[in-house]
Amino acid sequence: MIILAVLIGCLYVLLNSLIPEEETRRKVNALVVGGAGAAYLSGGGLGIGEFVFTAALTYVAYRGLESWTFIGIGWLMHTAWDVVHHLRGEPIVPFADHSSFGCAVCDPVIAIWCVTGGRSVVDVARGRLAARRAARS
C-alpha cells in the first residue's frame, strides 16, 4: 500500500511535468490542491472542522497561484488532515478503509516536488541526458 501510494504521487508529478509552461503548471496545481481541501466535505466526519479546513486550504491554494511553496504547504496541510481522518476511521473514500492513510503517504511526495519549485521532471531528465552527451563529446 505504501509503495503504491508513493508511485501514485510520482505519477502525479510526472503527469504534471507534461504541462509545458511553469506558470500554467503552478496555477493548475494551485487549483488541484484547493480542490483537495474539499475532498472530505461530503463525509463531514469532523463537523464544522471540515469547513474550517476547506477555507484555510482555499486561502493557501489562492496564495499558491503565485508560489510553489504555498502549494507544497497545502499538500502538507492535506496530509495532516488525512492522518486525522485515518485515525478517526473517517476515510476519504468511504468504501476503502485505508484510503486516507494512502493519501497521507502520497501527498508529501507531491509536496516535496512543489516546495522544490515544481520543475518538470521530464525537462530535468532531458537536461541531464544532454549534459552527459555533451560531456562525452
N, C-alpha and C. Protein backbone atom coordinates (compact mmCIF):
# COMPACT_ATOMS: atom_id res chain seq x y z
N MET A 1 0.83 -1.20 0.00
CA MET A 1 0.00 0.00 0.00
C MET A 1 0.87 1.26 0.00
N ILE A 2 1.92 1.26 0.81
CA ILE A 2 2.79 2.43 0.88
C ILE A 2 3.50 2.66 -0.45
N ILE A 3 4.00 1.59 -1.04
CA ILE A 3 4.69 1.72 -2.32
C ILE A 3 3.74 2.23 -3.38
N LEU A 4 2.52 1.71 -3.41
CA LEU A 4 1.54 2.17 -4.39
C LEU A 4 1.23 3.66 -4.20
N ALA A 5 1.08 4.08 -2.96
CA ALA A 5 0.79 5.50 -2.69
C ALA A 5 1.95 6.39 -3.14
N VAL A 6 3.18 5.97 -2.91
CA VAL A 6 4.34 6.74 -3.38
C VAL A 6 4.36 6.77 -4.91
N LEU A 7 4.06 5.64 -5.54
CA LEU A 7 4.02 5.61 -7.01
C LEU A 7 2.93 6.52 -7.56
N ILE A 8 1.80 6.59 -6.89
CA ILE A 8 0.73 7.49 -7.33
C ILE A 8 1.21 8.94 -7.25
N GLY A 9 1.90 9.29 -6.16
CA GLY A 9 2.47 10.63 -6.04
C GLY A 9 3.47 10.92 -7.15
N CYS A 10 4.30 9.94 -7.47
CA CYS A 10 5.29 10.11 -8.55
C CYS A 10 4.59 10.25 -9.90
N LEU A 11 3.53 9.47 -10.11
CA LEU A 11 2.77 9.58 -11.36
C LEU A 11 2.14 10.96 -11.48
N TYR A 12 1.62 11.49 -10.38
CA TYR A 12 1.06 12.84 -10.38
C TYR A 12 2.12 13.85 -10.82
N VAL A 13 3.31 13.74 -10.24
CA VAL A 13 4.42 14.65 -10.59
C VAL A 13 4.77 14.49 -12.06
N LEU A 14 4.89 13.27 -12.54
CA LEU A 14 5.24 13.03 -13.93
C LEU A 14 4.19 13.62 -14.88
N LEU A 15 2.93 13.36 -14.61
CA LEU A 15 1.88 13.88 -15.49
C LEU A 15 1.84 15.41 -15.48
N ASN A 16 2.04 16.00 -14.31
CA ASN A 16 2.08 17.46 -14.24
C ASN A 16 3.31 18.03 -14.92
N SER A 17 4.36 17.25 -14.99
CA SER A 17 5.58 17.70 -15.67
C SER A 17 5.36 17.84 -17.17
N LEU A 18 4.30 17.24 -17.68
CA LEU A 18 4.00 17.36 -19.11
C LEU A 18 3.32 18.68 -19.46
N ILE A 19 2.88 19.41 -18.44
CA ILE A 19 2.32 20.75 -18.67
C ILE A 19 3.52 21.65 -18.99
N PRO A 20 3.57 22.18 -20.22
CA PRO A 20 4.82 22.79 -20.70
C PRO A 20 5.27 24.07 -20.00
N GLU A 21 4.39 24.94 -19.64
CA GLU A 21 4.81 26.22 -19.08
C GLU A 21 4.75 26.18 -17.56
N GLU A 22 5.82 26.64 -16.91
CA GLU A 22 5.91 26.61 -15.44
C GLU A 22 4.77 27.36 -14.79
N GLU A 23 4.42 28.52 -15.31
CA GLU A 23 3.35 29.32 -14.71
C GLU A 23 2.02 28.60 -14.79
N THR A 24 1.74 28.00 -15.93
CA THR A 24 0.50 27.23 -16.10
C THR A 24 0.50 26.03 -15.17
N ARG A 25 1.63 25.34 -15.08
CA ARG A 25 1.75 24.17 -14.20
C ARG A 25 1.48 24.56 -12.74
N ARG A 26 2.01 25.71 -12.32
CA ARG A 26 1.79 26.18 -10.95
C ARG A 26 0.32 26.49 -10.72
N LYS A 27 -0.32 27.17 -11.65
CA LYS A 27 -1.73 27.52 -11.47
C LYS A 27 -2.62 26.29 -11.44
N VAL A 28 -2.34 25.32 -12.29
CA VAL A 28 -3.11 24.07 -12.28
C VAL A 28 -2.95 23.39 -10.93
N ASN A 29 -1.75 23.35 -10.41
CA ASN A 29 -1.51 22.70 -9.12
C ASN A 29 -2.16 23.45 -7.97
N ALA A 30 -2.21 24.77 -8.04
CA ALA A 30 -2.92 25.55 -7.02
C ALA A 30 -4.40 25.18 -7.02
N LEU A 31 -4.98 25.04 -8.20
CA LEU A 31 -6.39 24.65 -8.29
C LEU A 31 -6.62 23.25 -7.74
N VAL A 32 -5.71 22.33 -8.06
CA VAL A 32 -5.87 20.95 -7.60
C VAL A 32 -5.78 20.87 -6.08
N VAL A 33 -4.79 21.54 -5.48
CA VAL A 33 -4.69 21.47 -4.02
C VAL A 33 -5.89 22.15 -3.36
N GLY A 34 -6.40 23.20 -3.98
CA GLY A 34 -7.61 23.83 -3.45
C GLY A 34 -8.79 22.87 -3.48
N GLY A 35 -8.93 22.13 -4.56
CA GLY A 35 -9.99 21.13 -4.66
C GLY A 35 -9.81 20.00 -3.66
N ALA A 36 -8.55 19.63 -3.40
CA ALA A 36 -8.28 18.58 -2.43
C ALA A 36 -8.76 18.98 -1.05
N GLY A 37 -8.79 20.27 -0.79
CA GLY A 37 -9.26 20.75 0.50
C GLY A 37 -10.72 20.43 0.77
N ALA A 38 -11.48 20.26 -0.29
CA ALA A 38 -12.91 19.97 -0.14
C ALA A 38 -13.21 18.47 -0.23
N ALA A 39 -12.18 17.65 -0.33
CA ALA A 39 -12.38 16.21 -0.55
C ALA A 39 -13.18 15.53 0.56
N TYR A 40 -13.07 16.02 1.78
CA TYR A 40 -13.75 15.37 2.90
C TYR A 40 -15.11 15.98 3.22
N LEU A 41 -15.49 17.03 2.55
CA LEU A 41 -16.73 17.73 2.91
C LEU A 41 -17.97 16.83 2.89
N SER A 42 -18.09 15.97 1.91
CA SER A 42 -19.31 15.18 1.80
C SER A 42 -19.46 14.18 2.95
N GLY A 43 -18.33 13.74 3.52
CA GLY A 43 -18.42 12.82 4.64
C GLY A 43 -18.70 13.53 5.96
N GLY A 44 -18.19 14.72 6.09
CA GLY A 44 -18.45 15.54 7.27
C GLY A 44 -18.04 14.92 8.58
N GLY A 45 -17.05 14.04 8.54
CA GLY A 45 -16.64 13.32 9.75
C GLY A 45 -16.15 14.20 10.88
N LEU A 46 -15.69 15.39 10.57
CA LEU A 46 -15.18 16.28 11.61
C LEU A 46 -16.04 17.54 11.76
N GLY A 47 -17.28 17.44 11.32
CA GLY A 47 -18.24 18.52 11.51
C GLY A 47 -17.78 19.84 10.92
N ILE A 48 -17.92 20.89 11.70
CA ILE A 48 -17.58 22.24 11.25
C ILE A 48 -16.10 22.34 10.91
N GLY A 49 -15.29 21.49 11.51
CA GLY A 49 -13.85 21.48 11.21
C GLY A 49 -13.57 21.26 9.74
N GLU A 50 -14.45 20.51 9.06
CA GLU A 50 -14.28 20.28 7.62
C GLU A 50 -14.36 21.61 6.87
N PHE A 51 -15.27 22.47 7.27
CA PHE A 51 -15.42 23.76 6.61
C PHE A 51 -14.27 24.70 6.94
N VAL A 52 -13.82 24.66 8.16
CA VAL A 52 -12.68 25.50 8.57
C VAL A 52 -11.44 25.08 7.79
N PHE A 53 -11.21 23.76 7.70
CA PHE A 53 -10.05 23.27 6.95
C PHE A 53 -10.16 23.67 5.49
N THR A 54 -11.33 23.49 4.89
CA THR A 54 -11.52 23.84 3.48
C THR A 54 -11.25 25.32 3.24
N ALA A 55 -11.72 26.17 4.14
CA ALA A 55 -11.48 27.61 4.00
C ALA A 55 -9.99 27.92 4.11
N ALA A 56 -9.32 27.30 5.07
CA ALA A 56 -7.87 27.54 5.24
C ALA A 56 -7.09 27.07 4.02
N LEU A 57 -7.44 25.90 3.51
CA LEU A 57 -6.71 25.39 2.35
C LEU A 57 -7.04 26.18 1.09
N THR A 58 -8.24 26.72 1.01
CA THR A 58 -8.59 27.58 -0.13
C THR A 58 -7.70 28.82 -0.14
N TYR A 59 -7.47 29.40 1.04
CA TYR A 59 -6.59 30.56 1.13
C TYR A 59 -5.16 30.19 0.72
N VAL A 60 -4.68 29.07 1.20
CA VAL A 60 -3.32 28.62 0.86
C VAL A 60 -3.22 28.36 -0.64
N ALA A 61 -4.25 27.75 -1.22
CA ALA A 61 -4.26 27.49 -2.66
C ALA A 61 -4.26 28.80 -3.45
N TYR A 62 -5.00 29.79 -2.98
CA TYR A 62 -5.00 31.10 -3.62
C TYR A 62 -3.59 31.68 -3.63
N ARG A 63 -2.91 31.61 -2.51
CA ARG A 63 -1.52 32.09 -2.43
C ARG A 63 -0.62 31.26 -3.35
N GLY A 64 -1.00 29.99 -3.55
CA GLY A 64 -0.25 29.11 -4.43
C GLY A 64 -0.32 29.50 -5.90
N LEU A 65 -1.28 30.34 -6.26
CA LEU A 65 -1.31 30.80 -7.65
C LEU A 65 -0.02 31.53 -8.01
N GLU A 66 0.66 32.06 -7.01
CA GLU A 66 1.92 32.79 -7.22
C GLU A 66 3.12 32.14 -6.55
N SER A 67 2.92 31.02 -5.85
CA SER A 67 4.02 30.47 -5.06
C SER A 67 3.94 28.95 -4.95
N TRP A 68 4.97 28.29 -5.46
CA TRP A 68 5.05 26.83 -5.32
C TRP A 68 5.13 26.44 -3.84
N THR A 69 5.76 27.25 -3.04
CA THR A 69 5.89 26.93 -1.61
C THR A 69 4.51 26.81 -0.96
N PHE A 70 3.60 27.71 -1.28
CA PHE A 70 2.26 27.62 -0.71
C PHE A 70 1.52 26.37 -1.20
N ILE A 71 1.75 25.97 -2.43
CA ILE A 71 1.12 24.74 -2.91
C ILE A 71 1.65 23.55 -2.10
N GLY A 72 2.96 23.53 -1.87
CA GLY A 72 3.54 22.47 -1.05
C GLY A 72 2.98 22.47 0.36
N ILE A 73 2.83 23.66 0.94
CA ILE A 73 2.23 23.78 2.27
C ILE A 73 0.81 23.22 2.25
N GLY A 74 0.09 23.52 1.19
CA GLY A 74 -1.28 23.00 1.06
C GLY A 74 -1.31 21.48 1.06
N TRP A 75 -0.39 20.86 0.34
CA TRP A 75 -0.34 19.39 0.32
C TRP A 75 0.03 18.83 1.68
N LEU A 76 0.89 19.53 2.41
CA LEU A 76 1.24 19.07 3.76
C LEU A 76 0.06 19.25 4.72
N MET A 77 -0.71 20.33 4.54
CA MET A 77 -1.93 20.51 5.33
C MET A 77 -2.89 19.35 5.06
N HIS A 78 -3.01 18.99 3.79
CA HIS A 78 -3.91 17.89 3.43
C HIS A 78 -3.40 16.58 4.01
N THR A 79 -2.09 16.41 4.05
CA THR A 79 -1.52 15.22 4.67
C THR A 79 -1.95 15.12 6.13
N ALA A 80 -1.83 16.22 6.85
CA ALA A 80 -2.22 16.22 8.26
C ALA A 80 -3.71 15.89 8.41
N TRP A 81 -4.53 16.43 7.53
CA TRP A 81 -5.97 16.18 7.58
C TRP A 81 -6.26 14.71 7.27
N ASP A 82 -5.49 14.13 6.33
CA ASP A 82 -5.62 12.71 6.02
C ASP A 82 -5.31 11.86 7.25
N VAL A 83 -4.26 12.22 7.97
CA VAL A 83 -3.87 11.46 9.17
C VAL A 83 -4.98 11.53 10.21
N VAL A 84 -5.53 12.72 10.44
CA VAL A 84 -6.63 12.86 11.40
C VAL A 84 -7.80 11.97 11.00
N HIS A 85 -8.16 12.01 9.74
CA HIS A 85 -9.29 11.20 9.27
C HIS A 85 -8.98 9.71 9.39
N HIS A 86 -7.76 9.33 9.08
CA HIS A 86 -7.39 7.91 9.20
C HIS A 86 -7.50 7.46 10.66
N LEU A 87 -6.98 8.24 11.57
CA LEU A 87 -7.01 7.87 12.99
C LEU A 87 -8.43 7.82 13.54
N ARG A 88 -9.31 8.66 13.01
CA ARG A 88 -10.71 8.67 13.45
C ARG A 88 -11.57 7.64 12.73
N GLY A 89 -11.01 6.97 11.73
CA GLY A 89 -11.78 5.99 10.98
C GLY A 89 -12.78 6.61 10.03
N GLU A 90 -12.43 7.79 9.50
CA GLU A 90 -13.28 8.52 8.54
C GLU A 90 -12.52 8.66 7.22
N PRO A 91 -12.43 7.57 6.43
CA PRO A 91 -11.60 7.60 5.22
C PRO A 91 -12.14 8.54 4.15
N ILE A 92 -11.22 9.01 3.30
CA ILE A 92 -11.58 9.90 2.21
C ILE A 92 -12.50 9.20 1.21
N VAL A 93 -12.28 7.91 1.01
CA VAL A 93 -13.15 7.08 0.17
C VAL A 93 -13.87 6.13 1.12
N PRO A 94 -15.17 6.34 1.34
CA PRO A 94 -15.88 5.61 2.38
C PRO A 94 -15.77 4.08 2.31
N PHE A 95 -15.67 3.52 1.12
CA PHE A 95 -15.61 2.06 0.98
C PHE A 95 -14.18 1.52 0.96
N ALA A 96 -13.19 2.40 1.14
CA ALA A 96 -11.79 1.99 1.18
C ALA A 96 -11.19 2.44 2.51
N ASP A 97 -11.19 1.54 3.47
CA ASP A 97 -10.82 1.89 4.84
C ASP A 97 -9.47 2.60 4.99
N HIS A 98 -8.50 2.28 4.17
CA HIS A 98 -7.16 2.84 4.32
C HIS A 98 -6.86 3.95 3.30
N SER A 99 -7.90 4.47 2.67
CA SER A 99 -7.67 5.49 1.63
C SER A 99 -7.06 6.77 2.19
N SER A 100 -7.43 7.17 3.39
CA SER A 100 -6.83 8.37 3.97
C SER A 100 -5.36 8.13 4.30
N PHE A 101 -5.04 6.94 4.76
CA PHE A 101 -3.64 6.60 5.02
C PHE A 101 -2.83 6.67 3.72
N GLY A 102 -3.37 6.08 2.66
CA GLY A 102 -2.69 6.12 1.36
C GLY A 102 -2.49 7.54 0.87
N CYS A 103 -3.51 8.36 1.07
CA CYS A 103 -3.42 9.77 0.67
C CYS A 103 -2.36 10.49 1.51
N ALA A 104 -2.26 10.14 2.78
CA ALA A 104 -1.27 10.76 3.67
C ALA A 104 0.15 10.38 3.27
N VAL A 105 0.32 9.27 2.58
CA VAL A 105 1.64 8.86 2.08
C VAL A 105 1.93 9.52 0.74
N CYS A 106 0.92 9.62 -0.10
CA CYS A 106 1.05 10.18 -1.45
C CYS A 106 1.30 11.70 -1.42
N ASP A 107 0.56 12.41 -0.59
CA ASP A 107 0.60 13.87 -0.59
C ASP A 107 1.98 14.47 -0.32
N PRO A 108 2.77 13.92 0.62
CA PRO A 108 4.10 14.50 0.83
C PRO A 108 5.03 14.37 -0.37
N VAL A 109 4.83 13.34 -1.17
CA VAL A 109 5.62 13.20 -2.40
C VAL A 109 5.37 14.41 -3.29
N ILE A 110 4.10 14.74 -3.43
CA ILE A 110 3.72 15.89 -4.24
C ILE A 110 4.23 17.18 -3.60
N ALA A 111 4.12 17.27 -2.27
CA ALA A 111 4.56 18.47 -1.54
C ALA A 111 6.05 18.72 -1.75
N ILE A 112 6.85 17.68 -1.69
CA ILE A 112 8.30 17.84 -1.88
C ILE A 112 8.57 18.40 -3.27
N TRP A 113 7.90 17.87 -4.27
CA TRP A 113 8.08 18.37 -5.64
C TRP A 113 7.69 19.85 -5.72
N CYS A 114 6.61 20.21 -5.05
CA CYS A 114 6.13 21.60 -5.10
C CYS A 114 7.11 22.55 -4.41
N VAL A 115 7.53 22.22 -3.20
CA VAL A 115 8.40 23.16 -2.47
C VAL A 115 9.78 23.27 -3.11
N THR A 116 10.11 22.32 -3.98
CA THR A 116 11.38 22.43 -4.71
C THR A 116 11.20 23.14 -6.05
N GLY A 117 10.03 23.70 -6.28
CA GLY A 117 9.83 24.53 -7.46
C GLY A 117 8.94 23.95 -8.54
N GLY A 118 8.43 22.74 -8.36
CA GLY A 118 7.51 22.16 -9.34
C GLY A 118 8.09 22.06 -10.74
N ARG A 119 9.40 21.85 -10.80
CA ARG A 119 10.04 21.76 -12.12
C ARG A 119 9.59 20.51 -12.85
N SER A 120 9.58 20.59 -14.15
CA SER A 120 9.23 19.43 -14.98
C SER A 120 10.33 18.38 -14.83
N VAL A 121 9.98 17.21 -14.30
CA VAL A 121 10.97 16.15 -14.18
C VAL A 121 11.40 15.65 -15.56
N VAL A 122 10.53 15.82 -16.54
CA VAL A 122 10.88 15.45 -17.91
C VAL A 122 11.98 16.38 -18.41
N ASP A 123 11.82 17.68 -18.19
CA ASP A 123 12.84 18.65 -18.61
C ASP A 123 14.15 18.44 -17.86
N VAL A 124 14.05 18.15 -16.57
CA VAL A 124 15.26 17.91 -15.77
C VAL A 124 15.99 16.69 -16.31
N ALA A 125 15.26 15.63 -16.60
CA ALA A 125 15.88 14.41 -17.13
C ALA A 125 16.50 14.67 -18.50
N ARG A 126 15.82 15.42 -19.34
CA ARG A 126 16.38 15.76 -20.66
C ARG A 126 17.66 16.56 -20.53
N GLY A 127 17.65 17.52 -19.59
CA GLY A 127 18.84 18.35 -19.36
C GLY A 127 20.02 17.52 -18.90
N ARG A 128 19.78 16.59 -18.01
CA ARG A 128 20.87 15.73 -17.52
C ARG A 128 21.38 14.82 -18.62
N LEU A 129 20.46 14.32 -19.43
CA LEU A 129 20.88 13.46 -20.54
C LEU A 129 21.71 14.26 -21.53
N ALA A 130 21.28 15.48 -21.84
CA ALA A 130 22.04 16.35 -22.76
C ALA A 130 23.41 16.69 -22.17
N ALA A 131 23.48 16.91 -20.86
CA ALA A 131 24.76 17.22 -20.22
C ALA A 131 25.71 16.03 -20.29
N ARG A 132 25.18 14.84 -20.12
CA ARG A 132 26.01 13.64 -20.22
C ARG A 132 26.55 13.46 -21.64
N ARG A 133 25.68 13.71 -22.61
CA ARG A 133 26.11 13.60 -24.02
C ARG A 133 27.20 14.62 -24.32
N ALA A 134 27.02 15.84 -23.84
CA ALA A 134 27.98 16.90 -24.08
C ALA A 134 29.32 16.57 -23.41
N ALA A 135 29.27 15.97 -22.23
CA ALA A 135 30.49 15.62 -21.50
C ALA A 135 31.27 14.52 -22.24
N ARG A 136 30.57 13.65 -22.94
CA ARG A 136 31.22 12.58 -23.69
C ARG A 136 31.88 13.08 -24.97
N SER A 137 31.38 14.20 -25.47
CA SER A 137 31.90 14.72 -26.75
C SER A 137 33.23 15.39 -26.63
